[in-house]
Amino acid sequence: MKKLALRFAICLLVTAPLFANSALRIDFGQLSTLSDRVVAGRITKITAAEDPRNGYIYSTVTMAVSQAVPEQLAGREYSFRMIGGELNGRLQYIADFPKLRVGGDVVLFLNADTASVFGPTVGLGQGVFYLEATSFDSVQRVMDRFGRPVLGIREQSLIRGVRRADDPASSALGTGQKGAVAMAVGDFFQQVRGQRALNSVQSPLGR
């Protein structure tokens, strides 16, 4: 049965995203508490290899971690393995999961098993955020996978803005939200820790 599930999921590793593999929408509270680890930093290396047992491509992603939950991962090099990648002209990837690139600054909400066919992050693309330094203060700020600035958290849901078309390097917002900026990565992680602490109080199974 497990082998059948793997073969079905690999059918979704194609050259274009498939709607059938879209993840259920989850809020920030669920994203924070369902994650095994949350890491922020720069991707320094991605190494792809074929698994001789099944012929599928797996990638090992290495990050220089700046902030993390648990905190002991911060300041270290951290690697995780995920299904999909590019090798010898072959490309496999999980639909609805953004492509990770060397040199990219990201925040990843990682599953306990990052190499499963369900993707390395909780909620697939919902568990991937990008970091950008603003032009006015050089602070790394949080964008969602569509490039929208994350302004804050309200009732366990993300508040997002709209990227200004005339300033792609800035997290300042467009019409109707003048002067607002995305959350600094440090503040974002405080919210993650707060959600996890709240869940641990409410449930003995919480993280």
Protein backbone atom coordinates (compact mmCIF):
# COMPACT_ATOMS: atom_id res chain seq x y z
CA MET A 1 0.00 0.00 0.00
CA LYS A 2 2.85 2.36 0.89
CA LYS A 3 4.55 1.60 -2.42
CA LEU A 4 1.33 2.31 -4.32
CA ALA A 5 0.97 5.67 -2.56
CA LEU A 6 4.53 6.56 -3.49
CA ARG A 7 3.95 5.71 -7.16
CA PHE A 8 0.76 7.78 -7.22
CA ALA A 9 2.44 10.81 -5.66
CA ILE A 10 5.40 10.59 -8.02
CA CYS A 11 2.96 10.92 -10.92
CA LEU A 12 2.57 14.48 -9.66
CA LEU A 13 6.27 15.15 -10.16
CA VAL A 14 5.84 16.52 -13.66
CA THR A 15 6.89 19.51 -15.72
CA ALA A 16 3.88 21.61 -14.66
CA PRO A 17 1.96 21.93 -11.39
CA LEU A 18 -1.17 19.84 -11.01
CA PHE A 19 -4.21 21.15 -9.16
CA ALA A 20 -4.87 17.69 -7.76
CA ASN A 21 -1.80 18.02 -5.54
CA SER A 22 -2.87 21.31 -3.92
CA ALA A 23 -2.68 21.30 -0.13
CA LEU A 24 -5.57 22.20 2.13
CA ARG A 25 -5.42 25.80 3.32
CA ILE A 26 -4.05 26.18 6.84
CA ASP A 27 -3.68 29.21 9.10
CA PHE A 28 -0.52 30.53 10.74
CA GLY A 29 -1.32 28.83 14.02
CA GLN A 30 -1.53 25.43 12.37
CA LEU A 31 1.55 26.15 10.28
CA SER A 32 3.58 26.96 13.38
CA THR A 33 2.42 24.10 15.58
CA LEU A 34 2.41 21.34 12.95
CA SER A 35 6.01 22.07 11.92
CA ASP A 36 8.76 19.92 13.34
CA ARG A 37 11.34 22.69 12.75
CA VAL A 38 11.21 26.24 11.41
CA VAL A 39 14.43 27.54 9.88
CA ALA A 40 15.41 30.86 8.32
CA GLY A 41 18.58 31.50 6.37
CA ARG A 42 20.36 31.36 3.04
CA ILE A 43 20.41 28.28 0.84
CA THR A 44 24.08 27.56 0.19
CA LYS A 45 23.94 24.29 -1.71
CA ILE A 46 21.48 21.95 -3.41
CA THR A 47 22.75 18.52 -4.41
CA ALA A 48 20.56 16.20 -6.48
CA ALA A 49 20.99 12.44 -6.79
CA GLU A 50 18.99 9.51 -8.08
CA ASP A 51 17.78 6.96 -5.57
CA PRO A 52 18.86 3.59 -7.01
CA ARG A 53 15.99 1.83 -5.24
CA ASN A 54 13.22 3.65 -7.12
CA GLY A 55 14.91 5.78 -9.78
CA TYR A 56 13.51 9.04 -8.43
CA ILE A 57 15.45 12.25 -7.90
CA TYR A 58 16.05 13.50 -4.37
CA SER A 59 17.77 16.74 -3.40
CA THR A 60 19.78 17.59 -0.30
CA VAL A 61 19.28 21.26 0.56
CA THR A 62 21.89 22.95 2.77
CA MET A 63 21.21 26.22 4.58
CA ALA A 64 23.22 28.67 6.66
CA VAL A 65 20.64 29.15 9.42
CA SER A 66 20.19 32.58 11.00
CA GLN A 67 17.07 31.93 13.09
CA ALA A 68 15.32 28.72 14.00
CA VAL A 69 12.86 26.85 16.17
CA PRO A 70 14.32 25.04 18.03
CA GLU A 71 16.83 27.84 18.67
CA GLN A 72 19.89 25.57 18.85
CA LEU A 73 19.78 25.19 15.05
CA ALA A 74 20.50 28.91 14.59
CA GLY A 75 24.05 29.86 13.62
CA ARG A 76 24.71 26.45 12.11
CA GLU A 77 24.72 24.76 8.76
CA TYR A 78 21.61 22.64 8.37
CA SER A 79 20.65 20.15 5.65
CA PHE A 80 17.48 18.30 4.81
CA ARG A 81 16.51 15.85 2.08
CA MET A 82 13.48 16.30 -0.17
CA ILE A 83 12.00 14.49 -3.12
CA GLY A 84 12.41 16.17 -6.51
CA GLY A 85 15.18 18.09 -8.23
CA GLU A 86 17.11 18.47 -11.47
CA LEU A 87 19.66 15.90 -12.59
CA ASN A 88 21.20 15.23 -16.01
CA GLY A 89 18.46 17.09 -17.83
CA ARG A 90 15.67 15.45 -15.84
CA LEU A 91 13.37 17.59 -13.74
CA GLN A 92 11.01 16.33 -11.05
CA TYR A 93 9.13 18.48 -8.59
CA ILE A 94 6.07 18.42 -6.40
CA ALA A 95 3.19 20.51 -7.68
CA ASP A 96 2.44 23.60 -5.58
CA PHE A 97 5.90 23.56 -4.01
CA PRO A 98 8.08 26.59 -4.93
CA LYS A 99 11.47 25.88 -6.44
CA LEU A 100 14.30 26.47 -3.98
CA ARG A 101 17.43 28.15 -5.34
CA VAL A 102 21.00 28.50 -4.15
CA GLY A 103 21.49 31.99 -2.75
CA GLY A 104 17.84 32.38 -1.81
CA ASP A 105 16.95 33.65 1.67
CA VAL A 106 13.97 31.72 2.98
CA VAL A 107 11.91 30.68 5.99
CA LEU A 108 10.83 27.04 5.86
CA PHE A 109 8.26 25.32 8.09
CA LEU A 110 9.62 21.78 7.85
CA ASN A 111 7.85 18.47 8.33
CA ALA A 112 9.40 15.79 10.52
CA ASP A 113 9.94 13.71 7.36
CA THR A 114 11.11 16.16 4.72
CA ALA A 115 11.72 13.45 2.11
CA SER A 116 8.13 12.23 1.91
CA VAL A 117 5.99 12.59 -1.22
CA PHE A 118 3.93 15.21 0.62
CA GLY A 119 6.80 17.70 0.42
CA PRO A 120 9.39 18.99 2.89
CA THR A 121 7.23 21.78 4.31
CA VAL A 122 3.88 21.90 6.08
CA GLY A 123 1.15 22.82 3.60
CA LEU A 124 3.57 22.64 0.63
CA GLY A 125 4.01 26.24 -0.60
CA GLN A 126 2.20 27.60 2.44
CA GLY A 127 5.25 26.63 4.50
CA VAL A 128 7.68 28.60 2.32
CA PHE A 129 8.44 32.30 2.86
CA TYR A 130 11.10 34.54 1.36
CA LEU A 131 13.30 37.12 3.05
CA GLU A 132 14.14 40.48 1.49
CA ALA A 133 16.19 43.34 2.87
CA THR A 134 14.38 46.67 2.49
CA SER A 135 16.08 49.57 0.75
CA PHE A 136 15.71 51.87 3.76
CA ASP A 137 16.94 49.85 6.74
CA SER A 138 18.55 46.61 5.41
CA VAL A 139 16.42 44.53 7.80
CA GLN A 140 15.35 41.17 6.40
CA ARG A 141 11.58 41.11 6.12
CA VAL A 142 9.14 38.30 5.37
CA MET A 143 7.31 37.79 2.06
CA ASP A 144 4.96 34.96 1.22
CA ARG A 145 5.55 32.67 -1.76
CA PHE A 146 3.77 35.15 -4.07
CA GLY A 147 5.99 38.05 -3.03
CA ARG A 148 3.38 39.70 -0.82
CA PRO A 149 4.73 41.27 2.39
CA VAL A 150 3.57 39.68 5.62
CA LEU A 151 2.41 42.57 7.81
CA GLY A 152 1.44 40.70 10.96
CA ILE A 153 -0.66 37.99 12.54
CA ARG A 154 -4.28 38.43 13.58
CA GLU A 155 -6.29 35.64 15.20
CA GLN A 156 -3.78 33.04 13.94
CA SER A 157 -4.04 34.28 10.34
CA LEU A 158 -1.45 36.09 8.25
CA ILE A 159 -2.09 39.68 7.25
CA ARG A 160 -0.60 40.29 3.83
CA GLY A 161 -0.01 43.42 1.78
CA VAL A 162 0.59 44.06 -1.91
CA ARG A 163 4.04 44.49 -3.37
CA ARG A 164 4.67 47.85 -4.99
CA ALA A 165 5.15 47.34 -8.72
CA ASP A 166 7.57 50.27 -8.98
CA ASP A 167 9.97 49.01 -6.30
CA PRO A 168 10.54 45.24 -6.51
CA ALA A 169 13.38 45.40 -3.98
CA SER A 170 11.25 46.98 -1.29
CA SER A 171 8.64 45.58 1.07
CA ALA A 172 6.74 48.88 1.18
CA LEU A 173 3.10 48.50 0.26
CA GLY A 174 0.95 49.92 -2.48
CA THR A 175 -2.26 51.92 -2.58
CA GLY A 176 -4.30 51.92 0.62
CA GLN A 177 -1.43 50.70 2.80
CA LYS A 178 1.06 53.52 2.44
CA GLY A 179 4.02 53.35 4.79
CA ALA A 180 3.34 49.82 6.03
CA VAL A 181 6.20 47.35 5.83
CA ALA A 182 6.58 43.61 6.15
CA MET A 183 7.46 41.97 9.45
CA ALA A 184 11.12 41.71 10.35
CA VAL A 185 12.25 38.10 10.47
CA GLY A 186 12.95 38.34 14.21
CA ASP A 187 9.41 39.49 14.93
CA PHE A 188 8.07 36.74 12.66
CA PHE A 189 9.89 34.10 14.71
CA GLN A 190 8.55 35.56 17.94
CA GLN A 191 5.08 34.94 16.55
CA VAL A 192 6.02 31.35 15.63
CA ARG A 193 7.26 30.69 19.17
CA GLY A 194 4.15 32.28 20.62
CA GLN A 195 1.87 30.04 18.57
CA ARG A 196 3.81 26.93 19.58
CA ALA A 197 3.78 27.92 23.24
CA LEU A 198 0.02 28.55 23.08
CA ASN A 199 -0.54 25.14 21.53
CA SER A 200 1.61 23.39 24.15
CA VAL A 201 -0.55 24.92 26.90
CA GLN A 202 -3.82 23.98 25.21
CA SER A 203 -2.80 20.41 24.35
CA PRO A 204 -0.36 17.92 25.91
CA LEU A 205 0.52 16.88 22.36
CA GLY A 206 1.43 20.41 21.30
CA ARG A 207 5.00 21.34 20.39
